Amino acid sequence: MSIFSILIGTLSKLISPVLAGGMSVFLILIKWLGKAFLFFLTILLALVSTNYDAEHPDTAANRSAFRTFMGFPLGQEVTEVYFLADEWFLDSAYWFAFRAPPEVIEKIIRKYDLKKASNQKDSGLNGLAGNYHWWDESEREKGILYRSSRKDEDGYESCVNMLWYDAKTGKAQFTTFSL
């Protein structure tokens, strides 16, 4: 039996109640399944989505995300922490903007094995962060870009980490994303 014949048979079974006058039962079933699916999807997204506040700096959620991603506790020397997460599809992307002294930047460089980039003009992945004032390309242009990536089995970049740091102002922007 071919896939085509299975598909036709399944469709005819679904449509036959409608054609036989059972449309109200069929529509009720479709409505119920649609509502159940939306409810399940809402619960799932609430459970797996990262909590953050992209509009305001230094919220508990933003500082917690920083601690999670950078792997060390935040001291009072790290301020103006903004965070945004895009986790909707198979790939994910995260953006941070913050102020920090050079010692904190060195910890991040070590954690992500970042190296000074040969292309200092790389502006990074803007994605959703491009909608926020704190993800500022002009600030990135003032800083030094550090970069690292992991490659998949075919040799293509699968995860990219980028950090821009301006030692004069202490402003930093960091993004990590999967491809």
N, C-alpha and C. Protein backbone atom coordinates (compact mmCIF):
# COMPACT_ATOMS: atom_id res chain seq x y z
N MET A 1 0.86 -1.17 0.00
CA MET A 1 0.00 0.00 0.00
C MET A 1 0.91 1.23 0.00
N SER A 2 0.64 2.17 -0.90
CA SER A 2 1.49 3.35 -1.01
C SER A 2 1.08 4.41 0.02
N ILE A 3 1.99 5.32 0.24
CA ILE A 3 1.72 6.43 1.17
C ILE A 3 0.55 7.26 0.66
N PHE A 4 0.48 7.40 -0.66
CA PHE A 4 -0.60 8.18 -1.26
C PHE A 4 -1.97 7.57 -0.95
N SER A 5 -2.07 6.24 -1.07
CA SER A 5 -3.36 5.60 -0.81
C SER A 5 -3.72 5.66 0.68
N ILE A 6 -2.72 5.58 1.55
CA ILE A 6 -2.97 5.72 2.99
C ILE A 6 -3.49 7.13 3.30
N LEU A 7 -2.86 8.14 2.69
CA LEU A 7 -3.27 9.53 2.90
C LEU A 7 -4.70 9.75 2.41
N ILE A 8 -5.03 9.25 1.23
CA ILE A 8 -6.39 9.40 0.70
C ILE A 8 -7.40 8.70 1.61
N GLY A 9 -7.07 7.48 2.06
CA GLY A 9 -7.97 6.75 2.94
C GLY A 9 -8.21 7.48 4.25
N THR A 10 -7.15 8.06 4.82
CA THR A 10 -7.27 8.81 6.08
C THR A 10 -8.12 10.06 5.88
N LEU A 11 -7.86 10.79 4.80
CA LEU A 11 -8.65 12.00 4.53
C LEU A 11 -10.12 11.67 4.32
N SER A 12 -10.40 10.59 3.61
CA SER A 12 -11.81 10.25 3.37
C SER A 12 -12.51 9.88 4.68
N LYS A 13 -11.79 9.23 5.60
CA LYS A 13 -12.38 8.90 6.89
C LYS A 13 -12.68 10.16 7.70
N LEU A 14 -11.80 11.15 7.58
CA LEU A 14 -12.03 12.40 8.30
C LEU A 14 -13.15 13.22 7.69
N ILE A 15 -13.26 13.19 6.38
CA ILE A 15 -14.24 14.02 5.70
C ILE A 15 -15.62 13.36 5.67
N SER A 16 -15.70 12.02 5.70
CA SER A 16 -16.98 11.34 5.56
C SER A 16 -18.02 11.76 6.59
N PRO A 17 -17.66 12.00 7.88
CA PRO A 17 -18.71 12.48 8.81
C PRO A 17 -19.28 13.83 8.38
N VAL A 18 -18.43 14.68 7.80
CA VAL A 18 -18.90 15.99 7.35
C VAL A 18 -19.88 15.80 6.20
N LEU A 19 -19.54 14.92 5.27
CA LEU A 19 -20.40 14.68 4.12
C LEU A 19 -21.69 13.96 4.51
N ALA A 20 -21.66 13.19 5.55
CA ALA A 20 -22.85 12.44 5.98
C ALA A 20 -23.74 13.25 6.92
N GLY A 21 -23.47 14.51 7.10
CA GLY A 21 -24.31 15.34 7.94
C GLY A 21 -23.81 15.44 9.37
N GLY A 22 -22.69 14.87 9.69
CA GLY A 22 -22.15 14.91 11.04
C GLY A 22 -21.20 16.09 11.23
N MET A 23 -21.42 17.16 10.52
CA MET A 23 -20.53 18.30 10.54
C MET A 23 -20.39 18.91 11.92
N SER A 24 -21.44 18.96 12.68
CA SER A 24 -21.35 19.61 13.99
C SER A 24 -20.41 18.83 14.92
N VAL A 25 -20.47 17.51 14.91
CA VAL A 25 -19.58 16.71 15.74
C VAL A 25 -18.14 16.90 15.27
N PHE A 26 -17.94 16.89 13.97
CA PHE A 26 -16.61 17.08 13.40
C PHE A 26 -16.04 18.44 13.79
N LEU A 27 -16.82 19.49 13.69
CA LEU A 27 -16.35 20.84 14.04
C LEU A 27 -16.07 20.97 15.52
N ILE A 28 -16.89 20.36 16.35
CA ILE A 28 -16.65 20.38 17.79
C ILE A 28 -15.33 19.70 18.12
N LEU A 29 -15.08 18.56 17.47
CA LEU A 29 -13.83 17.83 17.69
C LEU A 29 -12.62 18.68 17.26
N ILE A 30 -12.70 19.30 16.12
CA ILE A 30 -11.61 20.14 15.62
C ILE A 30 -11.38 21.33 16.57
N LYS A 31 -12.44 21.98 17.01
CA LYS A 31 -12.31 23.10 17.94
C LYS A 31 -11.65 22.65 19.25
N TRP A 32 -12.11 21.53 19.77
CA TRP A 32 -11.55 21.02 21.03
C TRP A 32 -10.07 20.69 20.87
N LEU A 33 -9.70 20.01 19.79
CA LEU A 33 -8.30 19.68 19.55
C LEU A 33 -7.45 20.94 19.40
N GLY A 34 -7.99 21.95 18.73
CA GLY A 34 -7.27 23.22 18.56
C GLY A 34 -7.02 23.91 19.90
N LYS A 35 -8.03 23.95 20.73
CA LYS A 35 -7.87 24.57 22.05
C LYS A 35 -6.91 23.78 22.93
N ALA A 36 -7.00 22.46 22.88
CA ALA A 36 -6.10 21.62 23.68
C ALA A 36 -4.65 21.83 23.22
N PHE A 37 -4.46 21.92 21.91
CA PHE A 37 -3.11 22.13 21.38
C PHE A 37 -2.57 23.48 21.82
N LEU A 38 -3.36 24.54 21.72
CA LEU A 38 -2.91 25.87 22.13
C LEU A 38 -2.59 25.92 23.62
N PHE A 39 -3.42 25.27 24.43
CA PHE A 39 -3.16 25.22 25.87
C PHE A 39 -1.84 24.51 26.14
N PHE A 40 -1.63 23.34 25.51
CA PHE A 40 -0.40 22.58 25.68
C PHE A 40 0.81 23.40 25.22
N LEU A 41 0.70 24.07 24.09
CA LEU A 41 1.79 24.88 23.57
C LEU A 41 2.13 26.03 24.52
N THR A 42 1.12 26.67 25.08
CA THR A 42 1.34 27.76 26.03
C THR A 42 2.08 27.28 27.27
N ILE A 43 1.65 26.16 27.82
CA ILE A 43 2.32 25.59 29.00
C ILE A 43 3.75 25.21 28.66
N LEU A 44 3.96 24.58 27.53
CA LEU A 44 5.31 24.17 27.12
C LEU A 44 6.23 25.37 26.98
N LEU A 45 5.77 26.42 26.32
CA LEU A 45 6.60 27.62 26.15
C LEU A 45 6.91 28.29 27.48
N ALA A 46 5.96 28.30 28.38
CA ALA A 46 6.20 28.89 29.69
C ALA A 46 7.26 28.11 30.47
N LEU A 47 7.29 26.81 30.29
CA LEU A 47 8.25 25.98 31.02
C LEU A 47 9.66 26.04 30.44
N VAL A 48 9.78 26.18 29.12
CA VAL A 48 11.11 26.10 28.51
C VAL A 48 11.71 27.46 28.17
N SER A 49 10.95 28.51 28.18
CA SER A 49 11.48 29.81 27.81
C SER A 49 12.29 30.42 28.95
N THR A 50 13.36 31.12 28.57
CA THR A 50 14.19 31.80 29.55
C THR A 50 13.47 33.05 30.03
N ASN A 51 13.53 33.28 31.32
CA ASN A 51 12.90 34.44 31.93
C ASN A 51 13.87 35.62 31.87
N TYR A 52 13.40 36.78 31.42
CA TYR A 52 14.25 37.96 31.36
C TYR A 52 13.39 39.20 31.22
N ASP A 53 14.03 40.35 31.31
CA ASP A 53 13.37 41.63 31.09
C ASP A 53 14.28 42.46 30.20
N ALA A 54 14.02 42.45 28.92
CA ALA A 54 14.88 43.13 27.94
C ALA A 54 14.74 44.64 27.99
N GLU A 55 13.73 45.13 28.65
CA GLU A 55 13.48 46.58 28.69
C GLU A 55 14.23 47.29 29.82
N HIS A 56 14.52 46.57 30.89
CA HIS A 56 15.10 47.20 32.08
C HIS A 56 16.39 46.52 32.50
N PRO A 57 17.39 47.32 32.90
CA PRO A 57 18.66 46.72 33.32
C PRO A 57 18.61 46.23 34.77
N ASP A 58 19.52 45.32 35.06
CA ASP A 58 19.78 44.86 36.42
C ASP A 58 18.60 44.22 37.13
N THR A 59 17.65 43.67 36.38
CA THR A 59 16.58 42.94 37.05
C THR A 59 17.15 41.62 37.58
N ALA A 60 16.46 41.02 38.50
CA ALA A 60 16.92 39.74 39.07
C ALA A 60 17.05 38.69 37.96
N ALA A 61 16.12 38.66 37.02
CA ALA A 61 16.16 37.68 35.93
C ALA A 61 17.37 37.92 35.02
N ASN A 62 17.66 39.18 34.71
CA ASN A 62 18.80 39.48 33.84
C ASN A 62 20.12 39.13 34.52
N ARG A 63 20.23 39.45 35.79
CA ARG A 63 21.46 39.15 36.52
C ARG A 63 21.63 37.63 36.70
N SER A 64 20.53 36.94 36.90
CA SER A 64 20.57 35.48 37.00
C SER A 64 21.01 34.86 35.68
N ALA A 65 20.49 35.37 34.57
CA ALA A 65 20.89 34.87 33.25
C ALA A 65 22.38 35.11 33.03
N PHE A 66 22.88 36.28 33.42
CA PHE A 66 24.30 36.58 33.29
C PHE A 66 25.12 35.56 34.08
N ARG A 67 24.73 35.32 35.31
CA ARG A 67 25.43 34.35 36.16
C ARG A 67 25.42 32.96 35.52
N THR A 68 24.28 32.57 34.96
CA THR A 68 24.17 31.25 34.32
C THR A 68 25.08 31.15 33.10
N PHE A 69 25.06 32.16 32.26
CA PHE A 69 25.84 32.10 31.02
C PHE A 69 27.33 32.30 31.25
N MET A 70 27.70 33.14 32.18
CA MET A 70 29.11 33.44 32.38
C MET A 70 29.78 32.49 33.37
N GLY A 71 28.97 31.84 34.20
CA GLY A 71 29.51 30.81 35.07
C GLY A 71 30.17 31.29 36.35
N PHE A 72 29.89 32.52 36.74
CA PHE A 72 30.44 33.02 38.01
C PHE A 72 29.45 34.01 38.61
N PRO A 73 29.49 34.18 39.93
CA PRO A 73 28.56 35.09 40.59
C PRO A 73 28.86 36.55 40.22
N LEU A 74 27.82 37.32 40.12
CA LEU A 74 27.97 38.73 39.80
C LEU A 74 28.26 39.53 41.05
N GLY A 75 29.24 40.38 40.96
CA GLY A 75 29.49 41.33 42.04
C GLY A 75 28.83 42.66 41.70
N GLN A 76 28.97 43.61 42.59
CA GLN A 76 28.40 44.94 42.37
C GLN A 76 29.09 45.69 41.25
N GLU A 77 30.28 45.20 40.84
CA GLU A 77 31.03 45.88 39.78
C GLU A 77 30.41 45.68 38.39
N VAL A 78 29.53 44.70 38.24
CA VAL A 78 28.83 44.48 36.97
C VAL A 78 27.48 45.16 37.06
N THR A 79 27.26 46.12 36.19
CA THR A 79 26.03 46.92 36.24
C THR A 79 25.40 47.03 34.86
N GLU A 80 24.21 47.59 34.85
CA GLU A 80 23.46 47.84 33.62
C GLU A 80 23.34 46.58 32.77
N VAL A 81 22.98 45.48 33.42
CA VAL A 81 22.87 44.19 32.74
C VAL A 81 21.52 44.09 32.03
N TYR A 82 21.59 44.06 30.71
CA TYR A 82 20.42 43.82 29.87
C TYR A 82 20.56 42.41 29.29
N PHE A 83 19.43 41.75 29.05
CA PHE A 83 19.48 40.39 28.52
C PHE A 83 18.27 40.14 27.63
N LEU A 84 18.51 39.38 26.56
CA LEU A 84 17.43 38.98 25.65
C LEU A 84 17.71 37.57 25.16
N ALA A 85 16.68 36.75 25.07
CA ALA A 85 16.81 35.37 24.59
C ALA A 85 15.85 35.13 23.44
N ASP A 86 16.33 34.41 22.44
CA ASP A 86 15.48 33.96 21.33
C ASP A 86 15.64 32.45 21.26
N GLU A 87 14.64 31.74 21.74
CA GLU A 87 14.71 30.27 21.83
C GLU A 87 13.57 29.61 21.07
N TRP A 88 13.07 30.24 20.06
CA TRP A 88 11.85 29.76 19.42
C TRP A 88 12.04 28.59 18.47
N PHE A 89 13.15 28.47 17.83
CA PHE A 89 13.31 27.40 16.84
C PHE A 89 14.45 26.48 17.25
N LEU A 90 14.97 25.71 16.32
CA LEU A 90 16.04 24.78 16.64
C LEU A 90 17.31 25.51 17.06
N ASP A 91 17.52 26.67 16.47
CA ASP A 91 18.68 27.47 16.88
C ASP A 91 18.26 28.40 18.01
N SER A 92 19.22 28.92 18.72
CA SER A 92 18.91 29.85 19.80
C SER A 92 19.95 30.97 19.77
N ALA A 93 19.56 32.10 20.32
CA ALA A 93 20.47 33.25 20.38
C ALA A 93 20.21 34.00 21.68
N TYR A 94 21.30 34.53 22.25
CA TYR A 94 21.22 35.26 23.52
C TYR A 94 22.10 36.50 23.39
N TRP A 95 21.62 37.62 23.92
CA TRP A 95 22.34 38.88 23.86
C TRP A 95 22.41 39.50 25.25
N PHE A 96 23.58 40.06 25.58
CA PHE A 96 23.78 40.80 26.82
C PHE A 96 24.43 42.12 26.50
N ALA A 97 24.09 43.13 27.27
CA ALA A 97 24.83 44.39 27.29
C ALA A 97 25.02 44.72 28.77
N PHE A 98 26.22 45.21 29.13
CA PHE A 98 26.51 45.47 30.54
C PHE A 98 27.76 46.31 30.66
N ARG A 99 28.01 46.80 31.86
CA ARG A 99 29.27 47.48 32.20
C ARG A 99 30.02 46.60 33.18
N ALA A 100 31.34 46.49 32.94
CA ALA A 100 32.15 45.64 33.82
C ALA A 100 33.61 46.06 33.73
N PRO A 101 34.36 45.82 34.80
CA PRO A 101 35.79 46.11 34.77
C PRO A 101 36.53 45.03 33.97
N PRO A 102 37.78 45.29 33.61
CA PRO A 102 38.56 44.33 32.82
C PRO A 102 38.67 42.94 33.44
N GLU A 103 38.69 42.84 34.77
CA GLU A 103 38.81 41.54 35.42
C GLU A 103 37.63 40.62 35.07
N VAL A 104 36.45 41.20 35.01
CA VAL A 104 35.25 40.42 34.67
C VAL A 104 35.32 40.00 33.20
N ILE A 105 35.75 40.90 32.35
CA ILE A 105 35.88 40.60 30.92
C ILE A 105 36.87 39.46 30.71
N GLU A 106 37.96 39.47 31.47
CA GLU A 106 38.95 38.38 31.36
C GLU A 106 38.34 37.03 31.72
N LYS A 107 37.45 36.99 32.72
CA LYS A 107 36.79 35.74 33.10
C LYS A 107 35.92 35.23 31.95
N ILE A 108 35.21 36.14 31.29
CA ILE A 108 34.34 35.76 30.17
C ILE A 108 35.20 35.25 29.01
N ILE A 109 36.29 35.94 28.74
CA ILE A 109 37.20 35.54 27.66
C ILE A 109 37.72 34.13 27.91
N ARG A 110 38.10 33.83 29.15
CA ARG A 110 38.59 32.49 29.49
C ARG A 110 37.48 31.44 29.37
N LYS A 111 36.29 31.76 29.90
CA LYS A 111 35.20 30.78 29.88
C LYS A 111 34.85 30.36 28.46
N TYR A 112 34.75 31.31 27.56
CA TYR A 112 34.35 31.02 26.19
C TYR A 112 35.53 30.84 25.23
N ASP A 113 36.75 30.85 25.77
CA ASP A 113 37.96 30.69 24.96
C ASP A 113 37.96 31.69 23.80
N LEU A 114 37.66 32.94 24.13
CA LEU A 114 37.58 33.99 23.11
C LEU A 114 38.98 34.47 22.72
N LYS A 115 39.11 34.81 21.46
CA LYS A 115 40.35 35.36 20.93
C LYS A 115 40.03 36.67 20.22
N LYS A 116 40.99 37.58 20.22
CA LYS A 116 40.80 38.83 19.51
C LYS A 116 40.53 38.51 18.05
N ALA A 117 39.44 39.05 17.52
CA ALA A 117 39.02 38.72 16.16
C ALA A 117 39.87 39.44 15.13
N SER A 118 40.13 38.75 14.03
CA SER A 118 40.88 39.39 12.94
C SER A 118 40.02 40.40 12.21
N ASN A 119 38.71 40.16 12.15
CA ASN A 119 37.79 41.10 11.52
C ASN A 119 37.09 41.90 12.62
N GLN A 120 37.61 43.05 12.92
CA GLN A 120 37.04 43.88 13.98
C GLN A 120 35.75 44.59 13.55
N LYS A 121 35.37 44.46 12.28
CA LYS A 121 34.16 45.12 11.78
C LYS A 121 32.92 44.23 11.84
N ASP A 122 33.05 43.02 12.33
CA ASP A 122 31.92 42.11 12.43
C ASP A 122 30.94 42.65 13.46
N SER A 123 29.72 42.96 13.03
CA SER A 123 28.75 43.56 13.95
C SER A 123 27.90 42.52 14.66
N GLY A 124 28.10 41.25 14.34
CA GLY A 124 27.38 40.20 15.06
C GLY A 124 25.97 40.00 14.57
N LEU A 125 25.30 39.10 15.21
CA LEU A 125 23.92 38.78 14.90
C LEU A 125 23.01 39.75 15.65
N ASN A 126 22.25 40.55 14.91
CA ASN A 126 21.35 41.50 15.57
C ASN A 126 20.05 40.82 15.99
N GLY A 127 19.44 40.09 15.09
CA GLY A 127 18.20 39.39 15.41
C GLY A 127 17.22 40.28 16.16
N LEU A 128 16.60 39.72 17.17
CA LEU A 128 15.62 40.46 17.97
C LEU A 128 16.25 41.62 18.75
N ALA A 129 17.53 41.48 19.09
CA ALA A 129 18.19 42.51 19.90
C ALA A 129 18.29 43.84 19.17
N GLY A 130 18.24 43.81 17.84
CA GLY A 130 18.29 45.04 17.07
C GLY A 130 17.14 45.99 17.39
N ASN A 131 16.12 45.50 18.06
CA ASN A 131 14.97 46.32 18.44
C ASN A 131 15.18 47.08 19.75
N TYR A 132 16.31 46.86 20.42
CA TYR A 132 16.54 47.46 21.73
C TYR A 132 17.70 48.45 21.70
N HIS A 133 17.53 49.56 22.42
CA HIS A 133 18.54 50.63 22.42
C HIS A 133 19.88 50.16 22.95
N TRP A 134 19.90 49.18 23.82
CA TRP A 134 21.14 48.76 24.45
C TRP A 134 21.99 47.87 23.56
N TRP A 135 21.42 47.28 22.51
CA TRP A 135 22.21 46.50 21.55
C TRP A 135 22.57 47.47 20.43
N ASP A 136 23.69 48.16 20.65
CA ASP A 136 24.03 49.35 19.88
C ASP A 136 25.30 49.12 19.05
N GLU A 137 25.14 49.14 17.74
CA GLU A 137 26.27 48.90 16.85
C GLU A 137 27.37 49.95 17.01
N SER A 138 26.99 51.19 17.28
CA SER A 138 28.01 52.22 17.46
C SER A 138 28.87 51.94 18.70
N GLU A 139 28.27 51.35 19.74
CA GLU A 139 29.05 50.95 20.92
C GLU A 139 29.99 49.79 20.57
N ARG A 140 29.49 48.85 19.77
CA ARG A 140 30.33 47.72 19.38
C ARG A 140 31.52 48.18 18.55
N GLU A 141 31.31 49.19 17.72
CA GLU A 141 32.41 49.71 16.89
C GLU A 141 33.52 50.33 17.72
N LYS A 142 33.19 50.82 18.91
CA LYS A 142 34.20 51.43 19.79
C LYS A 142 35.03 50.38 20.52
N GLY A 143 34.48 49.19 20.68
CA GLY A 143 35.13 48.16 21.47
C GLY A 143 36.00 47.23 20.65
N ILE A 144 36.72 46.39 21.36
CA ILE A 144 37.52 45.33 20.74
C ILE A 144 36.65 44.09 20.70
N LEU A 145 36.65 43.41 19.55
CA LEU A 145 35.85 42.21 19.37
C LEU A 145 36.68 40.96 19.67
N TYR A 146 36.12 40.11 20.53
CA TYR A 146 36.69 38.81 20.82
C TYR A 146 35.68 37.77 20.34
N ARG A 147 36.17 36.65 19.81
CA ARG A 147 35.26 35.70 19.17
C ARG A 147 35.76 34.27 19.36
N SER A 148 34.82 33.34 19.42
CA SER A 148 35.14 31.91 19.37
C SER A 148 33.96 31.20 18.73
N SER A 149 34.21 29.98 18.27
CA SER A 149 33.13 29.18 17.71
C SER A 149 33.45 27.70 17.83
N ARG A 150 32.40 26.91 17.79
CA ARG A 150 32.54 25.46 17.73
C ARG A 150 32.09 25.03 16.34
N LYS A 151 32.72 24.00 15.84
CA LYS A 151 32.36 23.49 14.52
C LYS A 151 31.66 22.15 14.65
N ASP A 152 30.74 21.89 13.73
CA ASP A 152 30.06 20.59 13.71
C ASP A 152 30.93 19.57 12.98
N GLU A 153 30.40 18.37 12.83
CA GLU A 153 31.18 17.29 12.22
C GLU A 153 31.54 17.56 10.76
N ASP A 154 30.83 18.47 10.11
CA ASP A 154 31.12 18.82 8.72
C ASP A 154 32.06 20.01 8.60
N GLY A 155 32.48 20.57 9.74
CA GLY A 155 33.41 21.69 9.72
C GLY A 155 32.75 23.07 9.68
N TYR A 156 31.42 23.11 9.78
CA TYR A 156 30.71 24.40 9.78
C TYR A 156 30.55 24.90 11.21
N GLU A 157 30.54 26.21 11.35
CA GLU A 157 30.32 26.77 12.68
C GLU A 157 28.93 26.39 13.17
N SER A 158 28.85 25.86 14.39
CA SER A 158 27.55 25.49 14.94
C SER A 158 27.17 26.35 16.14
N CYS A 159 28.16 26.98 16.76
CA CYS A 159 27.90 27.87 17.89
C CYS A 159 28.93 28.99 17.85
N VAL A 160 28.47 30.21 17.94
CA VAL A 160 29.37 31.37 17.86
C VAL A 160 29.19 32.21 19.13
N ASN A 161 30.32 32.66 19.69
CA ASN A 161 30.33 33.54 20.86
C ASN A 161 31.10 34.79 20.48
N MET A 162 30.53 35.95 20.78
CA MET A 162 31.17 37.22 20.43
C MET A 162 31.06 38.19 21.61
N LEU A 163 32.16 38.87 21.90
CA LEU A 163 32.19 39.85 22.98
C LEU A 163 32.88 41.11 22.46
N TRP A 164 32.22 42.24 22.63
CA TRP A 164 32.82 43.53 22.32
C TRP A 164 33.05 44.24 23.65
N TYR A 165 34.24 44.80 23.82
CA TYR A 165 34.52 45.48 25.09
C TYR A 165 35.29 46.77 24.82
N ASP A 166 34.76 47.85 25.41
CA ASP A 166 35.41 49.15 25.36
C ASP A 166 35.98 49.43 26.75
N ALA A 167 37.30 49.31 26.89
CA ALA A 167 37.95 49.47 28.19
C ALA A 167 37.81 50.89 28.73
N LYS A 168 37.66 51.89 27.85
CA LYS A 168 37.52 53.28 28.31
C LYS A 168 36.21 53.50 29.06
N THR A 169 35.13 52.93 28.55
CA THR A 169 33.82 53.14 29.17
C THR A 169 33.38 51.96 30.05
N GLY A 170 34.03 50.82 29.86
CA GLY A 170 33.62 49.62 30.60
C GLY A 170 32.40 48.95 30.00
N LYS A 171 31.93 49.44 28.85
CA LYS A 171 30.73 48.87 28.23
C LYS A 171 31.10 47.62 27.45
N ALA A 172 30.24 46.62 27.58
CA ALA A 172 30.44 45.35 26.88
C ALA A 172 29.12 44.89 26.27
N GLN A 173 29.23 44.19 25.17
CA GLN A 173 28.10 43.51 24.55
C GLN A 173 28.55 42.11 24.21
N PHE A 174 27.72 41.14 24.53
CA PHE A 174 28.06 39.73 24.33
C PHE A 174 26.87 39.03 23.67
N THR A 175 27.17 38.18 22.71
CA THR A 175 26.13 37.34 22.13
C THR A 175 26.67 35.94 21.93
N THR A 176 25.78 34.98 22.08
CA THR A 176 26.10 33.59 21.76
C THR A 176 24.90 33.04 21.01
N PHE A 177 25.19 32.34 19.93
CA PHE A 177 24.09 31.80 19.13
C PHE A 177 24.50 30.52 18.44
N SER A 178 23.52 29.68 18.21
CA SER A 178 23.74 28.42 17.49
C SER A 178 23.24 28.60 16.07
N LEU A 179 23.84 27.85 15.19
CA LEU A 179 23.46 27.94 13.78
C LEU A 179 22.85 26.62 13.31
